[in-house]
PDB file of N, CA and C in Angstrom:
ATOM      1  N   UNK A   1    -113.758 149.174  81.407  1.00  0.00           N
ATOM      2  CA  UNK A   1    -114.008 149.102  79.986  1.00  0.00           C
ATOM      3  C   UNK A   1    -113.847 147.659  79.510  1.00  0.00           C
ATOM      4  N   UNK A   2    -114.814 147.166  78.812  1.00  0.00           N
ATOM      5  CA  UNK A   2    -114.749 145.814  78.277  1.00  0.00           C
ATOM      6  C   UNK A   2    -114.096 145.834  76.903  1.00  0.00           C
ATOM      7  N   UNK A   3    -113.157 144.930  76.734  1.00  0.00           N
ATOM      8  CA  UNK A   3    -112.488 144.785  75.449  1.00  0.00           C
ATOM      9  C   UNK A   3    -112.855 143.424  74.878  1.00  0.00           C
ATOM     10  N   UNK A   4    -112.873 143.349  73.565  1.00  0.00           N
ATOM     11  CA  UNK A   4    -113.165 142.074  72.922  1.00  0.00           C
ATOM     12  C   UNK A   4    -111.939 141.162  73.011  1.00  0.00           C
ATOM     13  N   UNK A   5    -112.172 139.893  72.807  1.00  0.00           N
ATOM     14  CA  UNK A   5    -111.062 138.942  72.798  1.00  0.00           C
ATOM     15  C   UNK A   5    -110.044 139.309  71.725  1.00  0.00           C
ATOM     16  N   UNK A   6    -110.513 139.739  70.573  1.00  0.00           N
ATOM     17  CA  UNK A   6    -109.567 140.091  69.506  1.00  0.00           C
ATOM     18  C   UNK A   6    -108.731 141.308  69.894  1.00  0.00           C
ATOM     19  N   UNK A   7    -109.316 142.259  70.606  1.00  0.00           N
ATOM     20  CA  UNK A   7    -108.546 143.408  71.090  1.00  0.00           C
ATOM     21  C   UNK A   7    -107.506 142.961  72.112  1.00  0.00           C
ATOM     22  N   UNK A   8    -107.895 142.043  72.965  1.00  0.00           N
ATOM     23  CA  UNK A   8    -106.962 141.537  73.971  1.00  0.00           C
ATOM     24  C   UNK A   8    -105.816 140.768  73.314  1.00  0.00           C
ATOM     25  N   UNK A   9    -106.128 139.959  72.333  1.00  0.00           N
ATOM     26  CA  UNK A   9    -105.084 139.207  71.627  1.00  0.00           C
ATOM     27  C   UNK A   9    -104.142 140.170  70.919  1.00  0.00           C
ATOM     28  N   UNK A  10    -104.690 141.180  70.290  1.00  0.00           N
ATOM     29  CA  UNK A  10    -103.863 142.181  69.616  1.00  0.00           C
ATOM     30  C   UNK A  10    -102.937 142.867  70.626  1.00  0.00           C
ATOM     31  N   UNK A  11    -103.444 143.192  71.795  1.00  0.00           N
ATOM     32  CA  UNK A  11    -102.646 143.841  72.835  1.00  0.00           C
ATOM     33  C   UNK A  11    -101.537 142.910  73.331  1.00  0.00           C
ATOM     34  N   UNK A  12    -101.839 141.635  73.484  1.00  0.00           N
ATOM     35  CA  UNK A  12    -100.822 140.661  73.902  1.00  0.00           C
ATOM     36  C   UNK A  12     -99.686 140.627  72.886  1.00  0.00           C
ATOM     37  N   UNK A  13    -100.043 140.538  71.620  1.00  0.00           N
ATOM     38  CA  UNK A  13     -99.043 140.472  70.553  1.00  0.00           C
ATOM     39  C   UNK A  13     -98.202 141.748  70.528  1.00  0.00           C
ATOM     40  N   UNK A  14     -98.862 142.898  70.605  1.00  0.00           N
ATOM     41  CA  UNK A  14     -98.136 144.175  70.596  1.00  0.00           C
ATOM     42  C   UNK A  14     -97.193 144.294  71.786  1.00  0.00           C
ATOM     43  N   UNK A  15     -97.661 143.901  72.951  1.00  0.00           N
ATOM     44  CA  UNK A  15     -96.838 144.002  74.158  1.00  0.00           C
ATOM     45  C   UNK A  15     -95.631 143.083  74.056  1.00  0.00           C
ATOM     46  N   UNK A  16     -95.837 141.870  73.579  1.00  0.00           N
ATOM     47  CA  UNK A  16     -94.726 140.927  73.437  1.00  0.00           C
ATOM     48  C   UNK A  16     -93.712 141.430  72.419  1.00  0.00           C
ATOM     49  N   UNK A  17     -94.191 141.927  71.284  1.00  0.00           N
ATOM     50  CA  UNK A  17     -93.276 142.436  70.266  1.00  0.00           C
ATOM     51  C   UNK A  17     -92.497 143.645  70.778  1.00  0.00           C
ATOM     52  N   UNK A  18     -93.145 144.496  71.540  1.00  0.00           N
ATOM     53  CA  UNK A  18     -92.469 145.646  72.137  1.00  0.00           C
ATOM     54  C   UNK A  18     -91.414 145.189  73.142  1.00  0.00           C
ATOM     55  N   UNK A  19     -91.755 144.203  73.969  1.00  0.00           N
ATOM     56  CA  UNK A  19     -90.791 143.684  74.927  1.00  0.00           C
ATOM     57  C   UNK A  19     -89.582 143.086  74.214  1.00  0.00           C
ATOM     58  N   UNK A  20     -89.815 142.345  73.155  1.00  0.00           N
ATOM     59  CA  UNK A  20     -88.699 141.759  72.405  1.00  0.00           C
ATOM     60  C   UNK A  20     -87.764 142.849  71.870  1.00  0.00           C
ATOM     61  N   UNK A  21     -88.332 143.931  71.360  1.00  0.00           N
ATOM     62  CA  UNK A  21     -87.513 145.045  70.858  1.00  0.00           C
ATOM     63  C   UNK A  21     -86.686 145.659  71.981  1.00  0.00           C
ATOM     64  N   UNK A  22     -87.285 145.805  73.162  1.00  0.00           N
ATOM     65  CA  UNK A  22     -86.564 146.382  74.294  1.00  0.00           C
ATOM     66  C   UNK A  22     -85.464 145.449  74.794  1.00  0.00           C
ATOM     67  N   UNK A  23     -85.724 144.162  74.760  1.00  0.00           N
ATOM     68  CA  UNK A  23     -84.705 143.183  75.159  1.00  0.00           C
ATOM     69  C   UNK A  23     -83.494 143.310  74.249  1.00  0.00           C
ATOM     70  N   UNK A  24     -83.734 143.435  72.959  1.00  0.00           N
ATOM     71  CA  UNK A  24     -82.627 143.600  72.006  1.00  0.00           C
ATOM     72  C   UNK A  24     -81.941 144.949  72.178  1.00  0.00           C
ATOM     73  N   UNK A  25     -82.724 146.007  72.285  1.00  0.00           N
ATOM     74  CA  UNK A  25     -82.159 147.361  72.387  1.00  0.00           C
ATOM     75  C   UNK A  25     -81.305 147.543  73.630  1.00  0.00           C
ATOM     76  N   UNK A  26     -81.702 146.899  74.710  1.00  0.00           N
ATOM     77  CA  UNK A  26     -80.980 147.041  75.978  1.00  0.00           C
ATOM     78  C   UNK A  26     -80.071 145.850  76.274  1.00  0.00           C
ATOM     79  N   UNK A  27     -79.942 144.989  75.269  1.00  0.00           N
ATOM     80  CA  UNK A  27     -79.053 143.830  75.353  1.00  0.00           C
ATOM     81  C   UNK A  27     -79.294 143.005  76.618  1.00  0.00           C
ATOM     82  N   UNK A  28     -80.566 142.766  76.899  1.00  0.00           N
ATOM     83  CA  UNK A  28     -80.920 141.922  78.035  1.00  0.00           C
ATOM     84  C   UNK A  28     -80.695 140.476  77.633  1.00  0.00           C
ATOM     85  N   UNK A  29     -79.916 139.793  78.419  1.00  0.00           N
ATOM     86  CA  UNK A  29     -79.578 138.395  78.150  1.00  0.00           C
ATOM     87  C   UNK A  29     -80.172 137.518  79.259  1.00  0.00           C
ATOM     88  N   UNK A  30     -80.065 136.231  79.069  1.00  0.00           N
ATOM     89  CA  UNK A  30     -80.503 135.315  80.125  1.00  0.00           C
ATOM     90  C   UNK A  30     -79.753 135.618  81.421  1.00  0.00           C
ATOM     91  N   UNK A  31     -78.468 135.825  81.301  1.00  0.00           N
ATOM     92  CA  UNK A  31     -77.635 136.103  82.476  1.00  0.00           C
ATOM     93  C   UNK A  31     -78.050 137.398  83.170  1.00  0.00           C
ATOM     94  N   UNK A  32     -78.264 138.457  82.395  1.00  0.00           N
ATOM     95  CA  UNK A  32     -78.641 139.727  83.033  1.00  0.00           C
ATOM     96  C   UNK A  32     -80.035 139.632  83.656  1.00  0.00           C
ATOM     97  N   UNK A  33     -80.911 138.871  83.036  1.00  0.00           N
ATOM     98  CA  UNK A  33     -82.246 138.718  83.601  1.00  0.00           C
ATOM     99  C   UNK A  33     -82.203 137.941  84.925  1.00  0.00           C
ATOM    100  N   UNK A  34     -81.249 137.058  85.052  1.00  0.00           N
ATOM    101  CA  UNK A  34     -81.094 136.320  86.308  1.00  0.00           C
ATOM    102  C   UNK A  34     -80.535 137.195  87.432  1.00  0.00           C
ATOM    103  N   UNK A  35     -79.711 138.177  87.081  1.00  0.00           N
ATOM    104  CA  UNK A  35     -78.934 138.869  88.102  1.00  0.00           C
ATOM    105  C   UNK A  35     -79.113 140.383  88.201  1.00  0.00           C
ATOM    106  N   UNK A  36     -79.663 141.002  87.192  1.00  0.00           N
ATOM    107  CA  UNK A  36     -79.724 142.464  87.151  1.00  0.00           C
ATOM    108  C   UNK A  36     -81.135 142.953  87.460  1.00  0.00           C
ATOM    109  N   UNK A  37     -81.256 143.715  88.520  1.00  0.00           N
ATOM    110  CA  UNK A  37     -82.562 144.189  88.957  1.00  0.00           C
ATOM    111  C   UNK A  37     -83.259 145.046  87.899  1.00  0.00           C
ATOM    112  N   UNK A  38     -82.516 145.898  87.201  1.00  0.00           N
ATOM    113  CA  UNK A  38     -83.134 146.726  86.166  1.00  0.00           C
ATOM    114  C   UNK A  38     -83.723 145.860  85.055  1.00  0.00           C
ATOM    115  N   UNK A  39     -82.979 144.853  84.626  1.00  0.00           N
ATOM    116  CA  UNK A  39     -83.489 143.945  83.596  1.00  0.00           C
ATOM    117  C   UNK A  39     -84.746 143.234  84.072  1.00  0.00           C
ATOM    118  N   UNK A  40     -84.742 142.830  85.331  1.00  0.00           N
ATOM    119  CA  UNK A  40     -85.908 142.158  85.900  1.00  0.00           C
ATOM    120  C   UNK A  40     -87.115 143.087  85.909  1.00  0.00           C
ATOM    121  N   UNK A  41     -86.917 144.314  86.319  1.00  0.00           N
ATOM    122  CA  UNK A  41     -88.020 145.281  86.317  1.00  0.00           C
ATOM    123  C   UNK A  41     -88.505 145.548  84.896  1.00  0.00           C
ATOM    124  N   UNK A  42     -87.569 145.579  83.950  1.00  0.00           N
ATOM    125  CA  UNK A  42     -87.928 145.892  82.565  1.00  0.00           C
ATOM    126  C   UNK A  42     -88.844 144.836  81.941  1.00  0.00           C
ATOM    127  N   UNK A  43     -88.670 143.582  82.326  1.00  0.00           N
ATOM    128  CA  UNK A  43     -89.490 142.536  81.713  1.00  0.00           C
ATOM    129  C   UNK A  43     -90.760 142.220  82.494  1.00  0.00           C
ATOM    130  N   UNK A  44     -90.784 142.506  83.784  1.00  0.00           N
ATOM    131  CA  UNK A  44     -91.952 142.086  84.555  1.00  0.00           C
ATOM    132  C   UNK A  44     -93.224 142.845  84.200  1.00  0.00           C
ATOM    133  N   UNK A  45     -93.132 144.138  83.989  1.00  0.00           N
ATOM    134  CA  UNK A  45     -94.357 144.891  83.668  1.00  0.00           C
ATOM    135  C   UNK A  45     -95.006 144.385  82.383  1.00  0.00           C
ATOM    136  N   UNK A  46     -94.273 144.246  81.287  1.00  0.00           N
ATOM    137  CA  UNK A  46     -94.916 143.686  80.091  1.00  0.00           C
ATOM    138  C   UNK A  46     -95.469 142.279  80.314  1.00  0.00           C
ATOM    139  N   UNK A  47     -94.756 141.448  81.068  1.00  0.00           N
ATOM    140  CA  UNK A  47     -95.247 140.093  81.319  1.00  0.00           C
ATOM    141  C   UNK A  47     -96.538 140.103  82.116  1.00  0.00           C
ATOM    142  N   UNK A  48     -96.624 140.949  83.129  1.00  0.00           N
ATOM    143  CA  UNK A  48     -97.894 140.915  83.855  1.00  0.00           C
ATOM    144  C   UNK A  48     -99.000 141.621  83.099  1.00  0.00           C
ATOM    145  N   UNK A  49     -98.661 142.533  82.202  1.00  0.00           N
ATOM    146  CA  UNK A  49     -99.695 143.094  81.326  1.00  0.00           C
ATOM    147  C   UNK A  49    -100.235 142.023  80.373  1.00  0.00           C
ATOM    148  N   UNK A  50     -99.354 141.216  79.833  1.00  0.00           N
ATOM    149  CA  UNK A  50     -99.778 140.100  78.974  1.00  0.00           C
ATOM    150  C   UNK A  50    -100.651 139.144  79.776  1.00  0.00           C
ATOM    151  N   UNK A  51    -100.207 138.801  80.968  1.00  0.00           N
ATOM    152  CA  UNK A  51    -100.970 137.884  81.817  1.00  0.00           C
ATOM    153  C   UNK A  51    -102.345 138.408  82.158  1.00  0.00           C
ATOM    154  N   UNK A  52    -102.448 139.705  82.393  1.00  0.00           N
ATOM    155  CA  UNK A  52    -103.753 140.311  82.692  1.00  0.00           C
ATOM    156  C   UNK A  52    -104.694 140.211  81.494  1.00  0.00           C
ATOM    157  N   UNK A  53    -104.173 140.457  80.296  1.00  0.00           N
ATOM    158  CA  UNK A  53    -104.995 140.327  79.091  1.00  0.00           C
ATOM    159  C   UNK A  53    -105.459 138.882  78.908  1.00  0.00           C
ATOM    160  N   UNK A  54    -104.551 137.946  79.128  1.00  0.00           N
ATOM    161  CA  UNK A  54    -104.901 136.521  79.018  1.00  0.00           C
ATOM    162  C   UNK A  54    -105.978 136.163  80.030  1.00  0.00           C
ATOM    163  N   UNK A  55    -105.817 136.628  81.253  1.00  0.00           N
ATOM    164  CA  UNK A  55    -106.775 136.338  82.314  1.00  0.00           C
ATOM    165  C   UNK A  55    -108.184 136.799  81.941  1.00  0.00           C
ATOM    166  N   UNK A  56    -108.272 137.909  81.224  1.00  0.00           N
ATOM    167  CA  UNK A  56    -109.573 138.494  80.898  1.00  0.00           C
ATOM    168  C   UNK A  56    -110.163 138.017  79.570  1.00  0.00           C
ATOM    169  N   UNK A  57    -109.448 137.161  78.859  1.00  0.00           N
ATOM    170  CA  UNK A  57    -110.012 136.577  77.637  1.00  0.00           C
ATOM    171  C   UNK A  57    -111.181 135.682  78.033  1.00  0.00           C
ATOM    172  N   UNK A  58    -112.194 135.666  77.213  1.00  0.00           N
ATOM    173  CA  UNK A  58    -113.413 134.928  77.543  1.00  0.00           C
ATOM    174  C   UNK A  58    -113.165 133.429  77.720  1.00  0.00           C
ATOM    175  N   UNK A  59    -113.957 132.851  78.592  1.00  0.00           N
ATOM    176  CA  UNK A  59    -113.911 131.415  78.818  1.00  0.00           C
ATOM    177  C   UNK A  59    -114.223 130.668  77.529  1.00  0.00           C
ATOM    178  N   UNK A  60    -115.154 131.195  76.749  1.00  0.00           N
ATOM    179  CA  UNK A  60    -115.544 130.547  75.487  1.00  0.00           C
ATOM    180  C   UNK A  60    -114.344 130.403  74.552  1.00  0.00           C
ATOM    181  N   UNK A  61    -113.561 131.462  74.405  1.00  0.00           N
ATOM    182  CA  UNK A  61    -112.394 131.398  73.523  1.00  0.00           C
ATOM    183  C   UNK A  61    -111.362 130.422  74.079  1.00  0.00           C
ATOM    184  N   UNK A  62    -111.141 130.479  75.368  1.00  0.00           N
ATOM    185  CA  UNK A  62    -110.170 129.572  75.985  1.00  0.00           C
ATOM    186  C   UNK A  62    -110.591 128.116  75.809  1.00  0.00           C
ATOM    187  N   UNK A  63    -111.891 127.849  75.906  1.00  0.00           N
ATOM    188  CA  UNK A  63    -112.385 126.476  75.738  1.00  0.00           C
ATOM    189  C   UNK A  63    -112.278 126.000  74.297  1.00  0.00           C
ATOM    190  N   UNK A  64    -112.309 126.917  73.343  1.00  0.00           N
ATOM    191  CA  UNK A  64    -112.139 126.558  71.932  1.00  0.00           C
ATOM    192  C   UNK A  64    -110.687 126.239  71.602  1.00  0.00           C
ATOM    193  N   UNK A  65    -109.769 126.741  72.417  1.00  0.00           N
ATOM    194  CA  UNK A  65    -108.337 126.586  72.143  1.00  0.00           C
ATOM    195  C   UNK A  65    -107.634 126.048  73.390  1.00  0.00           C
ATOM    196  N   UNK A  66    -107.989 124.830  73.743  1.00  0.00           N
ATOM    197  CA  UNK A  66    -107.460 124.232  74.968  1.00  0.00           C
ATOM    198  C   UNK A  66    -105.972 123.856  74.858  1.00  0.00           C
ATOM    199  N   UNK A  67    -105.435 123.874  73.649  1.00  0.00           N
ATOM    200  CA  UNK A  67    -104.021 123.564  73.453  1.00  0.00           C
ATOM    201  C   UNK A  67    -103.114 124.724  73.859  1.00  0.00           C
ATOM    202  N   UNK A  68    -103.683 125.894  74.057  1.00  0.00           N
ATOM    203  CA  UNK A  68    -102.910 127.080  74.431  1.00  0.00           C
ATOM    204  C   UNK A  68    -102.850 127.158  75.959  1.00  0.00           C
ATOM    205  N   UNK A  69    -101.663 127.393  76.521  1.00  0.00           N
ATOM    206  CA  UNK A  69    -101.517 127.391  77.988  1.00  0.00           C
ATOM    207  C   UNK A  69    -101.996 128.692  78.647  1.00  0.00           C
ATOM    208  N   UNK A  70    -103.276 128.963  78.542  1.00  0.00           N
ATOM    209  CA  UNK A  70    -103.855 130.195  79.088  1.00  0.00           C
ATOM    210  C   UNK A  70    -103.576 130.329  80.588  1.00  0.00           C
ATOM    211  N   UNK A  71    -103.838 129.263  81.326  1.00  0.00           N
ATOM    212  CA  UNK A  71    -103.706 129.316  82.784  1.00  0.00           C
ATOM    213  C   UNK A  71    -102.257 129.565  83.207  1.00  0.00           C
ATOM    214  N   UNK A  72    -101.313 129.030  82.472  1.00  0.00           N
ATOM    215  CA  UNK A  72     -99.910 129.230  82.803  1.00  0.00           C
ATOM    216  C   UNK A  72     -99.532 130.708  82.687  1.00  0.00           C
ATOM    217  N   UNK A  73     -99.956 131.347  81.611  1.00  0.00           N
ATOM    218  CA  UNK A  73     -99.605 132.752  81.391  1.00  0.00           C
ATOM    219  C   UNK A  73    -100.332 133.652  82.386  1.00  0.00           C
ATOM    220  N   UNK A  74    -101.598 133.386  82.615  1.00  0.00           N
ATOM    221  CA  UNK A  74    -102.345 134.169  83.607  1.00  0.00           C
ATOM    222  C   UNK A  74    -101.764 133.945  85.002  1.00  0.00           C
ATOM    223  N   UNK A  75    -101.377 132.717  85.296  1.00  0.00           N
ATOM    224  CA  UNK A  75    -100.780 132.407  86.588  1.00  0.00           C
ATOM    225  C   UNK A  75     -99.435 133.096  86.786  1.00  0.00           C
ATOM    226  N   UNK A  76     -98.699 133.231  85.712  1.00  0.00           N
ATOM    227  CA  UNK A  76     -97.428 133.946  85.775  1.00  0.00           C
ATOM    228  C   UNK A  76     -97.659 135.389  86.213  1.00  0.00           C
ATOM    229  N   UNK A  77     -98.679 136.003  85.684  1.00  0.00           N
ATOM    230  CA  UNK A  77     -99.023 137.375  86.061  1.00  0.00           C
ATOM    231  C   UNK A  77     -99.318 137.458  87.554  1.00  0.00           C
ATOM    232  N   UNK A  78    -100.114 136.547  88.046  1.00  0.00           N
ATOM    233  CA  UNK A  78    -100.462 136.559  89.460  1.00  0.00           C
ATOM    234  C   UNK A  78     -99.212 136.383  90.328  1.00  0.00           C
ATOM    235  N   UNK A  79     -98.334 135.516  89.900  1.00  0.00           N
ATOM    236  CA  UNK A  79     -97.094 135.285  90.647  1.00  0.00           C
ATOM    237  C   UNK A  79     -96.216 136.537  90.652  1.00  0.00           C
ATOM    238  N   UNK A  80     -96.083 137.185  89.493  1.00  0.00           N
ATOM    239  CA  UNK A  80     -95.258 138.389  89.401  1.00  0.00           C
ATOM    240  C   UNK A  80     -95.803 139.522  90.267  1.00  0.00           C
ATOM    241  N   UNK A  81     -97.105 139.668  90.282  1.00  0.00           N
ATOM    242  CA  UNK A  81     -97.723 140.766  91.010  1.00  0.00           C
ATOM    243  C   UNK A  81     -97.796 140.494  92.505  1.00  0.00           C
ATOM    244  N   UNK A  82     -98.177 139.298  92.875  1.00  0.00           N
ATOM    245  CA  UNK A  82     -98.475 139.019  94.273  1.00  0.00           C
ATOM    246  C   UNK A  82     -97.349 138.369  95.067  1.00  0.00           C
ATOM    247  N   UNK A  83     -96.332 137.853  94.378  1.00  0.00           N
ATOM    248  CA  UNK A  83     -95.236 137.195  95.088  1.00  0.00           C
ATOM    249  C   UNK A  83     -93.904 137.617  94.496  1.00  0.00           C
ATOM    250  N   UNK A  84     -93.748 138.914  94.286  1.00  0.00           N
ATOM    251  CA  UNK A  84     -92.552 139.420  93.604  1.00  0.00           C
ATOM    252  C   UNK A  84     -91.261 138.950  94.274  1.00  0.00           C
ATOM    253  N   UNK A  85     -91.222 138.976  95.587  1.00  0.00           N
ATOM    254  CA  UNK A  85     -89.997 138.574  96.287  1.00  0.00           C
ATOM    255  C   UNK A  85     -89.718 137.075  96.168  1.00  0.00           C
ATOM    256  N   UNK A  86     -90.732 136.299  95.821  1.00  0.00           N
ATOM    257  CA  UNK A  86     -90.548 134.860  95.711  1.00  0.00           C
ATOM    258  C   UNK A  86     -90.372 134.370  94.282  1.00  0.00           C
ATOM    259  N   UNK A  87     -90.105 135.276  93.364  1.00  0.00           N
ATOM    260  CA  UNK A  87     -89.987 134.901  91.957  1.00  0.00           C
ATOM    261  C   UNK A  87     -88.745 134.058  91.729  1.00  0.00           C
ATOM    262  N   UNK A  88     -88.924 132.981  91.000  1.00  0.00           N
ATOM    263  CA  UNK A  88     -87.813 132.151  90.559  1.00  0.00           C
ATOM    264  C   UNK A  88     -87.396 132.681  89.188  1.00  0.00           C
ATOM    265  N   UNK A  89     -86.301 133.423  89.152  1.00  0.00           N
ATOM    266  CA  UNK A  89     -85.890 134.079  87.909  1.00  0.00           C
ATOM    267  C   UNK A  89     -85.450 133.090  86.841  1.00  0.00           C
ATOM    268  N   UNK A  90     -85.058 131.907  87.222  1.00  0.00           N
ATOM    269  CA  UNK A  90     -84.735 130.879  86.230  1.00  0.00           C
ATOM    270  C   UNK A  90     -85.982 130.544  85.413  1.00  0.00           C
ATOM    271  N   UNK A  91     -87.130 130.468  86.066  1.00  0.00           N
ATOM    272  CA  UNK A  91     -88.390 130.203  85.362  1.00  0.00           C
ATOM    273  C   UNK A  91     -88.730 131.372  84.443  1.00  0.00           C
ATOM    274  N   UNK A  92     -88.561 132.596  84.915  1.00  0.00           N
ATOM    275  CA  UNK A  92     -88.868 133.771  84.093  1.00  0.00           C
ATOM    276  C   UNK A  92     -87.956 133.822  82.866  1.00  0.00           C
ATOM    277  N   UNK A  93     -86.684 133.516  83.053  1.00  0.00           N
ATOM    278  CA  UNK A  93     -85.752 133.464  81.920  1.00  0.00           C
ATOM    279  C   UNK A  93     -86.243 132.449  80.895  1.00  0.00           C
ATOM    280  N   UNK A  94     -86.651 131.288  81.361  1.00  0.00           N
ATOM    281  CA  UNK A  94     -87.162 130.246  80.465  1.00  0.00           C
ATOM    282  C   UNK A  94     -88.412 130.726  79.721  1.00  0.00           C
ATOM    283  N   UNK A  95     -89.302 131.379  80.440  1.00  0.00           N
ATOM    284  CA  UNK A  95     -90.529 131.888  79.815  1.00  0.00           C
ATOM    285  C   UNK A  95     -90.190 132.914  78.747  1.00  0.00           C
ATOM    286  N   UNK A  96     -89.360 133.886  79.097  1.00  0.00           N
ATOM    287  CA  UNK A  96     -89.048 134.993  78.180  1.00  0.00           C
ATOM    288  C   UNK A  96     -88.268 134.519  76.963  1.00  0.00           C
ATOM    289  N   UNK A  97     -87.261 133.697  77.181  1.00  0.00           N
ATOM    290  CA  UNK A  97     -86.374 133.335  76.078  1.00  0.00           C
ATOM    291  C   UNK A  97     -86.756 132.046  75.351  1.00  0.00           C
ATOM    292  N   UNK A  98     -87.622 131.219  75.964  1.00  0.00           N
ATOM    293  CA  UNK A  98     -87.913 129.925  75.338  1.00  0.00           C
ATOM    294  C   UNK A  98     -89.397 129.639  75.090  1.00  0.00           C
ATOM    295  N   UNK A  99     -90.300 130.238  75.855  1.00  0.00           N
ATOM    296  CA  UNK A  99     -91.698 129.822  75.761  1.00  0.00           C
ATOM    297  C   UNK A  99     -92.661 130.859  75.188  1.00  0.00           C
ATOM    298  N   UNK A 100     -92.413 132.134  75.435  1.00  0.00           N
ATOM    299  CA  UNK A 100     -93.397 133.152  75.025  1.00  0.00           C
ATOM    300  C   UNK A 100     -93.559 133.253  73.517  1.00  0.00           C
ATOM    301  N   UNK A 101     -92.499 133.062  72.764  1.00  0.00           N
ATOM    302  CA  UNK A 101     -92.641 133.104  71.306  1.00  0.00           C
ATOM    303  C   UNK A 101     -93.667 132.093  70.824  1.00  0.00           C
ATOM    304  N   UNK A 102     -93.600 130.882  71.341  1.00  0.00           N
ATOM    305  CA  UNK A 102     -94.554 129.841  70.949  1.00  0.00           C
ATOM    306  C   UNK A 102     -95.965 130.182  71.361  1.00  0.00           C
ATOM    307  N   UNK A 103     -96.122 130.722  72.563  1.00  0.00           N
ATOM    308  CA  UNK A 103     -97.439 131.150  73.028  1.00  0.00           C
ATOM    309  C   UNK A 103     -98.019 132.205  72.116  1.00  0.00           C
ATOM    310  N   UNK A 104     -97.228 133.229  71.804  1.00  0.00           N
ATOM    311  CA  UNK A 104     -97.714 134.329  70.965  1.00  0.00           C
ATOM    312  C   UNK A 104     -98.014 133.836  69.550  1.00  0.00           C
ATOM    313  N   UNK A 105     -97.179 132.966  69.029  1.00  0.00           N
ATOM    314  CA  UNK A 105     -97.456 132.401  67.707  1.00  0.00           C
ATOM    315  C   UNK A 105     -98.773 131.628  67.693  1.00  0.00           C
ATOM    316  N   UNK A 106     -99.068 130.920  68.781  1.00  0.00           N
ATOM    317  CA  UNK A 106    -100.332 130.180  68.875  1.00  0.00           C
ATOM    318  C   UNK A 106    -101.533 131.110  68.855  1.00  0.00           C
ATOM    319  N   UNK A 107    -101.443 132.213  69.578  1.00  0.00           N
ATOM    320  CA  UNK A 107    -102.619 133.096  69.611  1.00  0.00           C
ATOM    321  C   UNK A 107    -102.743 133.928  68.340  1.00  0.00           C
ATOM    322  N   UNK A 108    -101.651 134.097  67.619  1.00  0.00           N
ATOM    323  CA  UNK A 108    -101.733 134.800  66.313  1.00  0.00           C
ATOM    324  C   UNK A 108    -102.604 134.022  65.340  1.00  0.00           C
ATOM    325  N   UNK A 109    -102.675 132.713  65.504  1.00  0.00           N
ATOM    326  CA  UNK A 109    -103.437 131.849  64.590  1.00  0.00           C
ATOM    327  C   UNK A 109    -104.934 131.871  64.858  1.00  0.00           C
ATOM    328  N   UNK A 110    -105.339 132.435  65.986  1.00  0.00           N
ATOM    329  CA  UNK A 110    -106.757 132.448  66.347  1.00  0.00           C
ATOM    330  C   UNK A 110    -107.509 133.400  65.429  1.00  0.00           C
TER     331      UNK A 110
END
């Protein structure tokens, strides 16, 4: 099924907002994300769902908004799915707690 870029952006925003609510509800912290397998599992599915949506956004839209790190987010998805055992959780903690808000805010402006 083909989805429009606006549908994909809406899905990214919804998934991120849902993940943020779950992080708060389950009191997932930077420390627990580094060390707790359940916390790691809880955040990876939403992150790779976001990455998949980003990956499928049209080239035209990505070229119009080159300031947005599309490749980084899509690449994160590929890393989570294909190299799960090699994940650097320090990077994931940084993405979840420091970078994704800015990414999502950028795409909200589109």
